[in-house]
Amino acid sequence: MKSTGIVRKVDELGRIVLPIELRRTLDIEEKDSMEIYVDGSSIVLRKYQPSCVFCDDAADVVSFKGKMVCKNCLKALVEL
């Protein structure tokens, strides 16, 4: 993991602000969803990218009956 040297305080509601430099670098826009992971004693934030429920691929994902499915898996399902 790479340190940025940026330190932010948690406010009274438990929020932190991601600096604009990081948001621009990581292409994080207002209203983007973020995934939160715990790795030992570390908290990891990652921009949410929906992925296929079958193969976990994030490319060409569409919603099918409320589930995210990639086009390859959708094609395989249709062929069944």
C-alpha atoms as a PDB file:
ATOM      1  CA  MET A   1       0.000   0.000   0.000  1.00  0.00           C
ATOM      2  CA  LYS A   2       1.318   3.450  -0.915  1.00  0.00           C
ATOM      3  CA  SER A   3       1.137   6.378   1.530  1.00  0.00           C
ATOM      4  CA  THR A   4      -0.140   9.697   0.184  1.00  0.00           C
ATOM      5  CA  GLY A   5       0.942  11.745   3.181  1.00  0.00           C
ATOM      6  CA  ILE A   6      -2.588  13.155   3.444  1.00  0.00           C
ATOM      7  CA  VAL A   7      -4.221  13.131   6.899  1.00  0.00           C
ATOM      8  CA  ARG A   8      -7.898  13.893   7.517  1.00  0.00           C
ATOM      9  CA  LYS A   9      -9.919  13.919  10.742  1.00  0.00           C
ATOM     10  CA  VAL A  10     -13.166  12.012  11.177  1.00  0.00           C
ATOM     11  CA  ASP A  11     -16.032  14.431  11.875  1.00  0.00           C
ATOM     12  CA  GLU A  12     -18.753  13.995  14.511  1.00  0.00           C
ATOM     13  CA  LEU A  13     -20.872  11.971  12.062  1.00  0.00           C
ATOM     14  CA  GLY A  14     -18.004   9.571  11.234  1.00  0.00           C
ATOM     15  CA  ARG A  15     -17.255  11.111   7.826  1.00  0.00           C
ATOM     16  CA  ILE A  16     -13.960  11.942   6.158  1.00  0.00           C
ATOM     17  CA  VAL A  17     -13.362  14.036   3.047  1.00  0.00           C
ATOM     18  CA  LEU A  18     -11.428  12.547   0.146  1.00  0.00           C
ATOM     19  CA  PRO A  19      -9.141  15.267  -1.210  1.00  0.00           C
ATOM     20  CA  ILE A  20      -9.927  16.507  -4.716  1.00  0.00           C
ATOM     21  CA  GLU A  21      -6.469  15.415  -5.919  1.00  0.00           C
ATOM     22  CA  LEU A  22      -7.237  11.797  -5.012  1.00  0.00           C
ATOM     23  CA  ARG A  23     -10.735  11.937  -6.499  1.00  0.00           C
ATOM     24  CA  ARG A  24      -9.385  13.280  -9.774  1.00  0.00           C
ATOM     25  CA  THR A  25      -6.549  10.766  -9.899  1.00  0.00           C
ATOM     26  CA  LEU A  26      -8.878   7.834  -9.176  1.00  0.00           C
ATOM     27  CA  ASP A  27     -11.766   9.175 -11.316  1.00  0.00           C
ATOM     28  CA  ILE A  28     -14.178   9.368  -8.367  1.00  0.00           C
ATOM     29  CA  GLU A  29     -17.116  11.692  -9.059  1.00  0.00           C
ATOM     30  CA  GLU A  30     -19.841  13.050  -6.786  1.00  0.00           C
ATOM     31  CA  LYS A  31     -22.496  10.399  -6.071  1.00  0.00           C
ATOM     32  CA  ASP A  32     -20.155   7.519  -7.053  1.00  0.00           C
ATOM     33  CA  SER A  33     -20.593   4.440  -4.865  1.00  0.00           C
ATOM     34  CA  MET A  34     -17.632   3.268  -2.804  1.00  0.00           C
ATOM     35  CA  GLU A  35     -16.997  -0.233  -1.473  1.00  0.00           C
ATOM     36  CA  ILE A  36     -15.533  -0.539   2.023  1.00  0.00           C
ATOM     37  CA  TYR A  37     -13.233  -3.432   2.914  1.00  0.00           C
ATOM     38  CA  VAL A  38     -11.397  -4.336   6.092  1.00  0.00           C
ATOM     39  CA  ASP A  39      -7.919  -5.834   5.736  1.00  0.00           C
ATOM     40  CA  GLY A  40      -6.600  -6.617   9.210  1.00  0.00           C
ATOM     41  CA  SER A  41      -6.549  -3.249  10.961  1.00  0.00           C
ATOM     42  CA  SER A  42      -6.792  -1.263   7.706  1.00  0.00           C
ATOM     43  CA  ILE A  43      -9.880   0.185   6.016  1.00  0.00           C
ATOM     44  CA  VAL A  44      -9.773   0.072   2.218  1.00  0.00           C
ATOM     45  CA  LEU A  45     -12.059   2.202   0.021  1.00  0.00           C
ATOM     46  CA  ARG A  46     -12.589   1.186  -3.585  1.00  0.00           C
ATOM     47  CA  LYS A  47     -14.771   2.731  -6.284  1.00  0.00           C
ATOM     48  CA  TYR A  48     -17.679   0.338  -6.756  1.00  0.00           C
ATOM     49  CA  GLN A  49     -17.726  -1.451 -10.089  1.00  0.00           C
ATOM     50  CA  PRO A  50     -20.678  -3.828 -10.459  1.00  0.00           C
ATOM     51  CA  SER A  51     -19.595  -7.299 -11.584  1.00  0.00           C
ATOM     52  CA  CYS A  52     -21.214 -10.477 -12.856  1.00  0.00           C
ATOM     53  CA  VAL A  53     -22.748 -12.713 -10.183  1.00  0.00           C
ATOM     54  CA  PHE A  54     -21.466 -15.782 -12.053  1.00  0.00           C
ATOM     55  CA  CYS A  55     -17.906 -14.994 -13.189  1.00  0.00           C
ATOM     56  CA  ASP A  56     -17.115 -11.734 -11.303  1.00  0.00           C
ATOM     57  CA  ASP A  57     -16.181  -9.982 -14.579  1.00  0.00           C
ATOM     58  CA  ALA A  58     -16.913  -6.235 -14.581  1.00  0.00           C
ATOM     59  CA  ALA A  59     -16.876  -5.763 -18.369  1.00  0.00           C
ATOM     60  CA  ASP A  60     -20.138  -5.528 -20.333  1.00  0.00           C
ATOM     61  CA  VAL A  61     -22.361  -6.025 -17.274  1.00  0.00           C
ATOM     62  CA  VAL A  62     -26.131  -5.618 -17.590  1.00  0.00           C
ATOM     63  CA  SER A  63     -28.938  -5.947 -15.067  1.00  0.00           C
ATOM     64  CA  PHE A  64     -31.066  -9.076 -15.511  1.00  0.00           C
ATOM     65  CA  LYS A  65     -33.974  -9.571 -13.072  1.00  0.00           C
ATOM     66  CA  GLY A  66     -32.190  -7.456 -10.461  1.00  0.00           C
ATOM     67  CA  LYS A  67     -28.844  -9.271 -10.777  1.00  0.00           C
ATOM     68  CA  MET A  68     -25.740  -8.077 -12.588  1.00  0.00           C
ATOM     69  CA  VAL A  69     -24.733 -10.490 -15.373  1.00  0.00           C
ATOM     70  CA  CYS A  70     -22.014 -10.064 -18.005  1.00  0.00           C
ATOM     71  CA  LYS A  71     -22.968 -10.523 -21.637  1.00  0.00           C
ATOM     72  CA  ASN A  72     -20.932 -13.750 -21.933  1.00  0.00           C
ATOM     73  CA  CYS A  73     -22.763 -15.415 -19.029  1.00  0.00           C
ATOM     74  CA  LEU A  74     -26.106 -14.082 -20.263  1.00  0.00           C
ATOM     75  CA  LYS A  75     -25.408 -15.638 -23.653  1.00  0.00           C
ATOM     76  CA  ALA A  76     -24.495 -18.950 -21.981  1.00  0.00           C
ATOM     77  CA  LEU A  77     -27.745 -18.850 -19.982  1.00  0.00           C
ATOM     78  CA  VAL A  78     -29.804 -18.280 -23.114  1.00  0.00           C
ATOM     79  CA  GLU A  79     -28.153 -21.295 -24.775  1.00  0.00           C
ATOM     80  CA  LEU A  80     -29.262 -23.631 -21.938  1.00  0.00           C
END
